[in-house]
Amino acid sequence: MSRKTNFKFEGVDPKTGKPFKVVLSGWVPESLILEIQKHINRILLGEAPEETEYKNDIPIVDFDGLTIKRKVEIIVLRHFRHGWFTSHDVQEHYKQVFGEELKPSTVSMCLQRLYAQDEILERRGSRAQRSYRLKVEKVRHKIAELAHLNL
């Protein structure tokens, strides 16, 4: 889950005694806020930071806590910024990125919700030949947040 936030954390570096402030604003994934808090607390307690795992020089990101809808949204934001796409296109990318199979009905439901509830998609065509397109102007901030992920 993500939320609009103005997360602010202030503290004092135990080694230098200098104050510091970490500020995140806008659309921030809940999991990112929790990870930042965890790492800051480890540093303040003088513990060594955890090693980040990498694969082919790309940080491994844990997506287990995300809903299927959120994962579908990530796929759309990352891979379908330009032009029209179908639920089958999303289904194929989802399997490549997350290594999981999704039923076509599940993908269609997620895309329907991104269209109707979140209003970040346009759509055209009948149910049998439905296509979607991302409303890029509505999600520029979300796209920028995902730019560092090589999904």
Foldseek 3Di string as FASTA:
>chain_A
DKDFDFDKDWDAQPVPRHIDMDTDGGIDRPVVVVVVVVQVVCRNVVHDGDDFDDDPNATDDDPVPPDPLVLLVLLCLAPAQDDKDDLVVSQVVSCVPVVDHDDSVVSVVSVVCCCPPVVQWDWDDDPVDIIIHGNCVVCVVVSVVCVSHPD
